[in-house]
Amino acid sequence: MRIEFESTLWLWEAKTEAWTFVTVPTELSDMIREIPRVPRGFGSVRVRVRLADQEWSTSIFPSVSEQGYVLPIKRAIRDAVGLTVGDACSIHLDILDA
């Protein structure tokens, strides 16, 4: 399954580290949640991501506070595409667990 969406990069501050994420829109998260698959740790779903000219494999994670899945964006990716917290971006996801 392939999905595309626009989202804004946001910051989540853990105990000693800061992580950046984008949120998968609720309606797309609901569709992903309905896909039959073997359960994985923390409810994660394996994905292949494309953001600008960068591609990588990772997982998305369910978030109650965000009402959908969230996708972590590593510093190396942010730096490569010039993305900072608050910036909007276009995300292409291939769901690998489907």
PDB file of N, CA and C in Angstrom:
ATOM      1  N   MET A   1       0.840  -1.167   0.000  1.00  0.00           N
ATOM      2  CA  MET A   1       0.000   0.000   0.000  1.00  0.00           C
ATOM      3  C   MET A   1       0.891   1.239   0.000  1.00  0.00           C
ATOM      4  N   ARG A   2       0.611   2.185  -0.859  1.00  0.00           N
ATOM      5  CA  ARG A   2       1.377   3.431  -0.938  1.00  0.00           C
ATOM      6  C   ARG A   2       0.460   4.592  -0.587  1.00  0.00           C
ATOM      7  N   ILE A   3       0.944   5.468   0.287  1.00  0.00           N
ATOM      8  CA  ILE A   3       0.175   6.660   0.637  1.00  0.00           C
ATOM      9  C   ILE A   3       1.075   7.890   0.557  1.00  0.00           C
ATOM     10  N   GLU A   4       0.463   9.025   0.305  1.00  0.00           N
ATOM     11  CA  GLU A   4       1.168  10.299   0.256  1.00  0.00           C
ATOM     12  C   GLU A   4       0.385  11.298   1.086  1.00  0.00           C
ATOM     13  N   PHE A   5       1.106  12.173   1.768  1.00  0.00           N
ATOM     14  CA  PHE A   5       0.441  13.186   2.580  1.00  0.00           C
ATOM     15  C   PHE A   5       1.388  14.347   2.854  1.00  0.00           C
ATOM     16  N   GLU A   6       0.810  15.455   3.266  1.00  0.00           N
ATOM     17  CA  GLU A   6       1.548  16.631   3.718  1.00  0.00           C
ATOM     18  C   GLU A   6       1.465  16.664   5.235  1.00  0.00           C
ATOM     19  N   SER A   7       2.552  17.027   5.885  1.00  0.00           N
ATOM     20  CA  SER A   7       2.556  17.137   7.333  1.00  0.00           C
ATOM     21  C   SER A   7       3.614  18.148   7.752  1.00  0.00           C
ATOM     22  N   THR A   8       3.537  18.581   8.995  1.00  0.00           N
ATOM     23  CA  THR A   8       4.485  19.550   9.539  1.00  0.00           C
ATOM     24  C   THR A   8       5.390  18.855  10.554  1.00  0.00           C
ATOM     25  N   LEU A   9       6.675  19.128  10.459  1.00  0.00           N
ATOM     26  CA  LEU A   9       7.645  18.544  11.378  1.00  0.00           C
ATOM     27  C   LEU A   9       7.467  19.155  12.769  1.00  0.00           C
ATOM     28  N   TRP A  10       7.376  18.273  13.789  1.00  0.00           N
ATOM     29  CA  TRP A  10       7.206  18.750  15.162  1.00  0.00           C
ATOM     30  C   TRP A  10       8.214  18.075  16.080  1.00  0.00           C
ATOM     31  N   LEU A  11       8.437  18.697  17.216  1.00  0.00           N
ATOM     32  CA  LEU A  11       9.442  18.255  18.167  1.00  0.00           C
ATOM     33  C   LEU A  11       8.790  17.598  19.370  1.00  0.00           C
ATOM     34  N   TRP A  12       9.324  16.433  19.753  1.00  0.00           N
ATOM     35  CA  TRP A  12       8.901  15.762  20.985  1.00  0.00           C
ATOM     36  C   TRP A  12      10.137  15.658  21.855  1.00  0.00           C
ATOM     37  N   GLU A  13      10.056  16.204  23.040  1.00  0.00           N
ATOM     38  CA  GLU A  13      11.197  16.181  23.936  1.00  0.00           C
ATOM     39  C   GLU A  13      11.021  15.090  24.978  1.00  0.00           C
ATOM     40  N   ALA A  14      11.906  14.110  24.899  1.00  0.00           N
ATOM     41  CA  ALA A  14      11.912  13.025  25.885  1.00  0.00           C
ATOM     42  C   ALA A  14      12.748  13.476  27.075  1.00  0.00           C
ATOM     43  N   LYS A  15      13.026  12.563  27.964  1.00  0.00           N
ATOM     44  CA  LYS A  15      13.768  12.897  29.185  1.00  0.00           C
ATOM     45  C   LYS A  15      15.061  13.658  28.905  1.00  0.00           C
ATOM     46  N   THR A  16      15.901  13.134  28.034  1.00  0.00           N
ATOM     47  CA  THR A  16      17.189  13.774  27.770  1.00  0.00           C
ATOM     48  C   THR A  16      17.435  14.026  26.283  1.00  0.00           C
ATOM     49  N   GLU A  17      16.516  13.633  25.443  1.00  0.00           N
ATOM     50  CA  GLU A  17      16.720  13.769  24.005  1.00  0.00           C
ATOM     51  C   GLU A  17      15.511  14.438  23.359  1.00  0.00           C
ATOM     52  N   ALA A  18      15.735  15.029  22.207  1.00  0.00           N
ATOM     53  CA  ALA A  18      14.645  15.599  21.416  1.00  0.00           C
ATOM     54  C   ALA A  18      14.513  14.772  20.133  1.00  0.00           C
ATOM     55  N   TRP A  19      13.302  14.435  19.792  1.00  0.00           N
ATOM     56  CA  TRP A  19      13.009  13.661  18.587  1.00  0.00           C
ATOM     57  C   TRP A  19      12.092  14.498  17.708  1.00  0.00           C
ATOM     58  N   THR A  20      12.219  14.350  16.405  1.00  0.00           N
ATOM     59  CA  THR A  20      11.327  15.054  15.487  1.00  0.00           C
ATOM     60  C   THR A  20      10.484  14.038  14.719  1.00  0.00           C
ATOM     61  N   PHE A  21       9.243  14.430  14.492  1.00  0.00           N
ATOM     62  CA  PHE A  21       8.268  13.555  13.846  1.00  0.00           C
ATOM     63  C   PHE A  21       7.398  14.354  12.889  1.00  0.00           C
ATOM     64  N   VAL A  22       6.741  13.630  11.990  1.00  0.00           N
ATOM     65  CA  VAL A  22       5.569  14.128  11.282  1.00  0.00           C
ATOM     66  C   VAL A  22       4.434  13.179  11.631  1.00  0.00           C
ATOM     67  N   THR A  23       3.213  13.684  11.578  1.00  0.00           N
ATOM     68  CA  THR A  23       2.037  12.887  11.912  1.00  0.00           C
ATOM     69  C   THR A  23       1.328  12.455  10.642  1.00  0.00           C
ATOM     70  N   VAL A  24       1.032  11.167  10.539  1.00  0.00           N
ATOM     71  CA  VAL A  24       0.221  10.651   9.442  1.00  0.00           C
ATOM     72  C   VAL A  24      -1.226  11.090   9.725  1.00  0.00           C
ATOM     73  N   PRO A  25      -1.905  11.705   8.752  1.00  0.00           N
ATOM     74  CA  PRO A  25      -3.277  12.166   8.993  1.00  0.00           C
ATOM     75  C   PRO A  25      -4.181  11.046   9.524  1.00  0.00           C
ATOM     76  N   THR A  26      -5.153  11.441  10.333  1.00  0.00           N
ATOM     77  CA  THR A  26      -6.040  10.491  11.004  1.00  0.00           C
ATOM     78  C   THR A  26      -6.699   9.519  10.039  1.00  0.00           C
ATOM     79  N   GLU A  27      -7.248  10.011   8.934  1.00  0.00           N
ATOM     80  CA  GLU A  27      -7.957   9.116   8.003  1.00  0.00           C
ATOM     81  C   GLU A  27      -7.013   8.093   7.383  1.00  0.00           C
ATOM     82  N   LEU A  28      -5.773   8.488   7.084  1.00  0.00           N
ATOM     83  CA  LEU A  28      -4.798   7.536   6.548  1.00  0.00           C
ATOM     84  C   LEU A  28      -4.331   6.575   7.642  1.00  0.00           C
ATOM     85  N   SER A  29      -4.163   7.079   8.856  1.00  0.00           N
ATOM     86  CA  SER A  29      -3.799   6.213   9.982  1.00  0.00           C
ATOM     87  C   SER A  29      -4.865   5.149  10.209  1.00  0.00           C
ATOM     88  N   ASP A  30      -6.139   5.543  10.100  1.00  0.00           N
ATOM     89  CA  ASP A  30      -7.232   4.584  10.251  1.00  0.00           C
ATOM     90  C   ASP A  30      -7.152   3.491   9.187  1.00  0.00           C
ATOM     91  N   MET A  31      -6.824   3.867   7.943  1.00  0.00           N
ATOM     92  CA  MET A  31      -6.687   2.874   6.864  1.00  0.00           C
ATOM     93  C   MET A  31      -5.532   1.920   7.159  1.00  0.00           C
ATOM     94  N   ILE A  32      -4.411   2.452   7.610  1.00  0.00           N
ATOM     95  CA  ILE A  32      -3.243   1.624   7.924  1.00  0.00           C
ATOM     96  C   ILE A  32      -3.573   0.657   9.056  1.00  0.00           C
ATOM     97  N   ARG A  33      -4.280   1.140  10.062  1.00  0.00           N
ATOM     98  CA  ARG A  33      -4.645   0.321  11.224  1.00  0.00           C
ATOM     99  C   ARG A  33      -5.486  -0.886  10.816  1.00  0.00           C
ATOM    100  N   GLU A  34      -6.252  -0.772   9.743  1.00  0.00           N
ATOM    101  CA  GLU A  34      -7.144  -1.845   9.288  1.00  0.00           C
ATOM    102  C   GLU A  34      -6.438  -2.926   8.474  1.00  0.00           C
ATOM    103  N   ILE A  35      -5.204  -2.700   8.089  1.00  0.00           N
ATOM    104  CA  ILE A  35      -4.474  -3.679   7.283  1.00  0.00           C
ATOM    105  C   ILE A  35      -4.090  -4.876   8.161  1.00  0.00           C
ATOM    106  N   PRO A  36      -4.491  -6.091   7.769  1.00  0.00           N
ATOM    107  CA  PRO A  36      -4.103  -7.267   8.571  1.00  0.00           C
ATOM    108  C   PRO A  36      -2.587  -7.469   8.518  1.00  0.00           C
ATOM    109  N   ARG A  37      -1.983  -7.718   9.676  1.00  0.00           N
ATOM    110  CA  ARG A  37      -0.543  -7.954   9.737  1.00  0.00           C
ATOM    111  C   ARG A  37      -0.185  -8.606  11.065  1.00  0.00           C
ATOM    112  N   VAL A  38       0.999  -9.168  11.110  1.00  0.00           N
ATOM    113  CA  VAL A  38       1.512  -9.761  12.353  1.00  0.00           C
ATOM    114  C   VAL A  38       1.848  -8.612  13.300  1.00  0.00           C
ATOM    115  N   PRO A  39       1.423  -8.693  14.561  1.00  0.00           N
ATOM    116  CA  PRO A  39       1.723  -7.620  15.518  1.00  0.00           C
ATOM    117  C   PRO A  39       3.229  -7.445  15.721  1.00  0.00           C
ATOM    118  N   ARG A  40       3.656  -6.183  15.852  1.00  0.00           N
ATOM    119  CA  ARG A  40       5.065  -5.847  16.112  1.00  0.00           C
ATOM    120  C   ARG A  40       5.141  -5.005  17.375  1.00  0.00           C
ATOM    121  N   GLY A  41       6.318  -4.877  17.927  1.00  0.00           N
ATOM    122  CA  GLY A  41       6.530  -4.127  19.149  1.00  0.00           C
ATOM    123  C   GLY A  41       6.005  -2.706  19.088  1.00  0.00           C
ATOM    124  N   PHE A  42       5.332  -2.279  20.132  1.00  0.00           N
ATOM    125  CA  PHE A  42       4.771  -0.939  20.277  1.00  0.00           C
ATOM    126  C   PHE A  42       3.710  -0.623  19.221  1.00  0.00           C
ATOM    127  N   GLY A  43       3.211  -1.641  18.514  1.00  0.00           N
ATOM    128  CA  GLY A  43       2.213  -1.409  17.467  1.00  0.00           C
ATOM    129  C   GLY A  43       2.801  -0.803  16.206  1.00  0.00           C
ATOM    130  N   SER A  44       4.126  -0.918  16.053  1.00  0.00           N
ATOM    131  CA  SER A  44       4.806  -0.302  14.909  1.00  0.00           C
ATOM    132  C   SER A  44       4.447  -0.989  13.594  1.00  0.00           C
ATOM    133  N   VAL A  45       4.620  -0.236  12.520  1.00  0.00           N
ATOM    134  CA  VAL A  45       4.363  -0.721  11.162  1.00  0.00           C
ATOM    135  C   VAL A  45       5.595  -0.374  10.333  1.00  0.00           C
ATOM    136  N   ARG A  46       6.162  -1.372   9.678  1.00  0.00           N
ATOM    137  CA  ARG A  46       7.346  -1.136   8.836  1.00  0.00           C
ATOM    138  C   ARG A  46       6.944  -0.372   7.577  1.00  0.00           C
ATOM    139  N   VAL A  47       7.785   0.616   7.210  1.00  0.00           N
ATOM    140  CA  VAL A  47       7.510   1.442   6.032  1.00  0.00           C
ATOM    141  C   VAL A  47       8.796   1.765   5.285  1.00  0.00           C
ATOM    142  N   ARG A  48       8.636   2.114   4.038  1.00  0.00           N
ATOM    143  CA  ARG A  48       9.707   2.695   3.216  1.00  0.00           C
ATOM    144  C   ARG A  48       9.255   4.127   2.967  1.00  0.00           C
ATOM    145  N   VAL A  49      10.130   5.103   3.219  1.00  0.00           N
ATOM    146  CA  VAL A  49       9.779   6.513   3.167  1.00  0.00           C
ATOM    147  C   VAL A  49      10.546   7.225   2.057  1.00  0.00           C
ATOM    148  N   ARG A  50       9.859   8.172   1.410  1.00  0.00           N
ATOM    149  CA  ARG A  50      10.546   9.098   0.504  1.00  0.00           C
ATOM    150  C   ARG A  50      10.154  10.503   0.918  1.00  0.00           C
ATOM    151  N   LEU A  51      11.163  11.334   1.141  1.00  0.00           N
ATOM    152  CA  LEU A  51      10.993  12.742   1.479  1.00  0.00           C
ATOM    153  C   LEU A  51      11.989  13.501   0.611  1.00  0.00           C
ATOM    154  N   ALA A  52      11.479  14.293  -0.318  1.00  0.00           N
ATOM    155  CA  ALA A  52      12.325  14.976  -1.303  1.00  0.00           C
ATOM    156  C   ALA A  52      13.169  13.921  -2.026  1.00  0.00           C
ATOM    157  N   ASP A  53      14.504  14.043  -2.001  1.00  0.00           N
ATOM    158  CA  ASP A  53      15.353  13.071  -2.703  1.00  0.00           C
ATOM    159  C   ASP A  53      15.918  12.000  -1.763  1.00  0.00           C
ATOM    160  N   GLN A  54      15.390  11.906  -0.555  1.00  0.00           N
ATOM    161  CA  GLN A  54      15.867  10.937   0.438  1.00  0.00           C
ATOM    162  C   GLN A  54      14.894   9.768   0.562  1.00  0.00           C
ATOM    163  N   GLU A  55      15.430   8.550   0.627  1.00  0.00           N
ATOM    164  CA  GLU A  55      14.613   7.348   0.846  1.00  0.00           C
ATOM    165  C   GLU A  55      15.261   6.506   1.931  1.00  0.00           C
ATOM    166  N   TRP A  56      14.416   5.914   2.787  1.00  0.00           N
ATOM    167  CA  TRP A  56      14.921   5.058   3.850  1.00  0.00           C
ATOM    168  C   TRP A  56      13.805   4.155   4.370  1.00  0.00           C
ATOM    169  N   SER A  57      14.203   3.105   5.088  1.00  0.00           N
ATOM    170  CA  SER A  57      13.248   2.200   5.727  1.00  0.00           C
ATOM    171  C   SER A  57      13.244   2.486   7.218  1.00  0.00           C
ATOM    172  N   THR A  58      12.059   2.451   7.818  1.00  0.00           N
ATOM    173  CA  THR A  58      11.893   2.702   9.245  1.00  0.00           C
ATOM    174  C   THR A  58      10.550   2.126   9.663  1.00  0.00           C
ATOM    175  N   SER A  59      10.017   2.600  10.756  1.00  0.00           N
ATOM    176  CA  SER A  59       8.690   2.212  11.217  1.00  0.00           C
ATOM    177  C   SER A  59       7.916   3.454  11.622  1.00  0.00           C
ATOM    178  N   ILE A  60       6.598   3.358  11.512  1.00  0.00           N
ATOM    179  CA  ILE A  60       5.716   4.372  12.077  1.00  0.00           C
ATOM    180  C   ILE A  60       5.128   3.783  13.348  1.00  0.00           C
ATOM    181  N   PHE A  61       4.726   4.663  14.265  1.00  0.00           N
ATOM    182  CA  PHE A  61       4.266   4.221  15.580  1.00  0.00           C
ATOM    183  C   PHE A  61       2.934   4.877  15.917  1.00  0.00           C
ATOM    184  N   PRO A  62       2.017   4.135  16.542  1.00  0.00           N
ATOM    185  CA  PRO A  62       0.749   4.741  16.929  1.00  0.00           C
ATOM    186  C   PRO A  62       0.962   5.745  18.057  1.00  0.00           C
ATOM    187  N   SER A  63       0.199   6.838  18.006  1.00  0.00           N
ATOM    188  CA  SER A  63       0.280   7.870  19.035  1.00  0.00           C
ATOM    189  C   SER A  63      -1.124   8.294  19.424  1.00  0.00           C
ATOM    190  N   VAL A  64      -1.469   8.103  20.679  1.00  0.00           N
ATOM    191  CA  VAL A  64      -2.783   8.516  21.169  1.00  0.00           C
ATOM    192  C   VAL A  64      -2.898  10.033  21.114  1.00  0.00           C
ATOM    193  N   SER A  65      -1.859  10.743  21.532  1.00  0.00           N
ATOM    194  CA  SER A  65      -1.925  12.206  21.563  1.00  0.00           C
ATOM    195  C   SER A  65      -2.048  12.812  20.173  1.00  0.00           C
ATOM    196  N   GLU A  66      -1.468  12.166  19.171  1.00  0.00           N
ATOM    197  CA  GLU A  66      -1.543  12.670  17.796  1.00  0.00           C
ATOM    198  C   GLU A  66      -2.721  12.079  17.023  1.00  0.00           C
ATOM    199  N   GLN A  67      -3.434  11.150  17.621  1.00  0.00           N
ATOM    200  CA  GLN A  67      -4.600  10.502  17.008  1.00  0.00           C
ATOM    201  C   GLN A  67      -4.278   9.860  15.671  1.00  0.00           C
ATOM    202  N   GLY A  68      -3.129   9.212  15.610  1.00  0.00           N
ATOM    203  CA  GLY A  68      -2.717   8.516  14.391  1.00  0.00           C
ATOM    204  C   GLY A  68      -1.293   8.021  14.555  1.00  0.00           C
ATOM    205  N   TYR A  69      -0.706   7.610  13.447  1.00  0.00           N
ATOM    206  CA  TYR A  69       0.679   7.163  13.462  1.00  0.00           C
ATOM    207  C   TYR A  69       1.609   8.357  13.349  1.00  0.00           C
ATOM    208  N   VAL A  70       2.812   8.201  13.904  1.00  0.00           N
ATOM    209  CA  VAL A  70       3.843   9.221  13.768  1.00  0.00           C
ATOM    210  C   VAL A  70       5.076   8.591  13.129  1.00  0.00           C
ATOM    211  N   LEU A  71       5.762   9.412  12.335  1.00  0.00           N
ATOM    212  CA  LEU A  71       6.949   8.982  11.600  1.00  0.00           C
ATOM    213  C   LEU A  71       8.149   9.775  12.098  1.00  0.00           C
ATOM    214  N   PRO A  72       9.152   9.097  12.671  1.00  0.00           N
ATOM    215  CA  PRO A  72      10.356   9.820  13.103  1.00  0.00           C
ATOM    216  C   PRO A  72      11.179  10.252  11.886  1.00  0.00           C
ATOM    217  N   ILE A  73      11.727  11.461  11.966  1.00  0.00           N
ATOM    218  CA  ILE A  73      12.596  11.981  10.911  1.00  0.00           C
ATOM    219  C   ILE A  73      13.964  12.271  11.537  1.00  0.00           C
ATOM    220  N   LYS A  74      14.976  11.497  11.137  1.00  0.00           N
ATOM    221  CA  LYS A  74      16.318  11.632  11.707  1.00  0.00           C
ATOM    222  C   LYS A  74      16.989  12.940  11.268  1.00  0.00           C
ATOM    223  N   ARG A  75      17.928  13.384  12.088  1.00  0.00           N
ATOM    224  CA  ARG A  75      18.670  14.611  11.801  1.00  0.00           C
ATOM    225  C   ARG A  75      19.339  14.564  10.426  1.00  0.00           C
ATOM    226  N   ALA A  76      19.949  13.433  10.068  1.00  0.00           N
ATOM    227  CA  ALA A  76      20.646  13.334   8.775  1.00  0.00           C
ATOM    228  C   ALA A  76      19.684  13.605   7.619  1.00  0.00           C
ATOM    229  N   ILE A  77      18.459  13.110   7.728  1.00  0.00           N
ATOM    230  CA  ILE A  77      17.450  13.353   6.685  1.00  0.00           C
ATOM    231  C   ILE A  77      17.051  14.825   6.691  1.00  0.00           C
ATOM    232  N   ARG A  78      16.765  15.363   7.879  1.00  0.00           N
ATOM    233  CA  ARG A  78      16.377  16.777   7.985  1.00  0.00           C
ATOM    234  C   ARG A  78      17.454  17.677   7.401  1.00  0.00           C
ATOM    235  N   ASP A  79      18.706  17.399   7.741  1.00  0.00           N
ATOM    236  CA  ASP A  79      19.811  18.209   7.229  1.00  0.00           C
ATOM    237  C   ASP A  79      19.941  18.083   5.720  1.00  0.00           C
ATOM    238  N   ALA A  80      19.773  16.878   5.192  1.00  0.00           N
ATOM    239  CA  ALA A  80      19.930  16.652   3.747  1.00  0.00           C
ATOM    240  C   ALA A  80      18.892  17.407   2.921  1.00  0.00           C
ATOM    241  N   VAL A  81      17.697  17.589   3.475  1.00  0.00           N
ATOM    242  CA  VAL A  81      16.634  18.269   2.713  1.00  0.00           C
ATOM    243  C   VAL A  81      16.356  19.682   3.232  1.00  0.00           C
ATOM    244  N   GLY A  82      17.112  20.118   4.252  1.00  0.00           N
ATOM    245  CA  GLY A  82      16.946  21.461   4.778  1.00  0.00           C
ATOM    246  C   GLY A  82      15.647  21.672   5.530  1.00  0.00           C
ATOM    247  N   LEU A  83      15.244  20.692   6.309  1.00  0.00           N
ATOM    248  CA  LEU A  83      13.972  20.718   7.028  1.00  0.00           C
ATOM    249  C   LEU A  83      14.202  21.054   8.497  1.00  0.00           C
ATOM    250  N   THR A  84      13.411  21.975   9.044  1.00  0.00           N
ATOM    251  CA  THR A  84      13.483  22.308  10.461  1.00  0.00           C
ATOM    252  C   THR A  84      12.094  22.205  11.083  1.00  0.00           C
ATOM    253  N   VAL A  85      12.045  22.154  12.403  1.00  0.00           N
ATOM    254  CA  VAL A  85      10.780  22.050  13.124  1.00  0.00           C
ATOM    255  C   VAL A  85       9.848  23.173  12.664  1.00  0.00           C
ATOM    256  N   GLY A  86       8.595  22.793  12.374  1.00  0.00           N
ATOM    257  CA  GLY A  86       7.595  23.743  11.901  1.00  0.00           C
ATOM    258  C   GLY A  86       7.453  23.785  10.396  1.00  0.00           C
ATOM    259  N   ASP A  87       8.402  23.177   9.667  1.00  0.00           N
ATOM    260  CA  ASP A  87       8.327  23.146   8.207  1.00  0.00           C
ATOM    261  C   ASP A  87       7.333  22.094   7.738  1.00  0.00           C
ATOM    262  N   ALA A  88       6.608  22.405   6.670  1.00  0.00           N
ATOM    263  CA  ALA A  88       5.712  21.435   6.033  1.00  0.00           C
ATOM    264  C   ALA A  88       6.522  20.616   5.038  1.00  0.00           C
ATOM    265  N   CYS A  89       6.132  19.358   4.881  1.00  0.00           N
ATOM    266  CA  CYS A  89       6.829  18.490   3.929  1.00  0.00           C
ATOM    267  C   CYS A  89       5.862  17.488   3.317  1.00  0.00           C
ATOM    268  N   SER A  90       6.259  16.965   2.182  1.00  0.00           N
ATOM    269  CA  SER A  90       5.498  15.953   1.449  1.00  0.00           C
ATOM    270  C   SER A  90       6.131  14.597   1.706  1.00  0.00           C
ATOM    271  N   ILE A  91       5.335  13.673   2.218  1.00  0.00           N
ATOM    272  CA  ILE A  91       5.826  12.340   2.577  1.00  0.00           C
ATOM    273  C   ILE A  91       5.166  11.290   1.683  1.00  0.00           C
ATOM    274  N   HIS A  92       5.970  10.349   1.217  1.00  0.00           N
ATOM    275  CA  HIS A  92       5.490   9.193   0.466  1.00  0.00           C
ATOM    276  C   HIS A  92       5.848   7.963   1.291  1.00  0.00           C
ATOM    277  N   LEU A  93       4.839   7.157   1.641  1.00  0.00           N
ATOM    278  CA  LEU A  93       5.047   5.954   2.456  1.00  0.00           C
ATOM    279  C   LEU A  93       4.614   4.712   1.690  1.00  0.00           C
ATOM    280  N   ASP A  94       5.466   3.725   1.677  1.00  0.00           N
ATOM    281  CA  ASP A  94       5.087   2.382   1.234  1.00  0.00           C
ATOM    282  C   ASP A  94       4.962   1.546   2.495  1.00  0.00           C
ATOM    283  N   ILE A  95       3.764   1.005   2.740  1.00  0.00           N
ATOM    284  CA  ILE A  95       3.544   0.160   3.911  1.00  0.00           C
ATOM    285  C   ILE A  95       4.087  -1.221   3.595  1.00  0.00           C
ATOM    286  N   LEU A  96       5.096  -1.680   4.349  1.00  0.00           N
ATOM    287  CA  LEU A  96       5.761  -2.951   4.061  1.00  0.00           C
ATOM    288  C   LEU A  96       5.123  -4.136   4.744  1.00  0.00           C
ATOM    289  N   ASP A  97       4.355  -3.893   5.793  1.00  0.00           N
ATOM    290  CA  ASP A  97       3.728  -5.001   6.526  1.00  0.00           C
ATOM    291  C   ASP A  97       2.457  -5.501   5.863  1.00  0.00           C
ATOM    292  N   ALA A  98       2.032  -4.829   4.809  1.00  0.00           N
ATOM    293  CA  ALA A  98       0.748  -5.190   4.171  1.00  0.00           C
ATOM    294  C   ALA A  98       0.899  -6.444   3.332  1.00  0.00           C
TER     295      ALA A  98
END
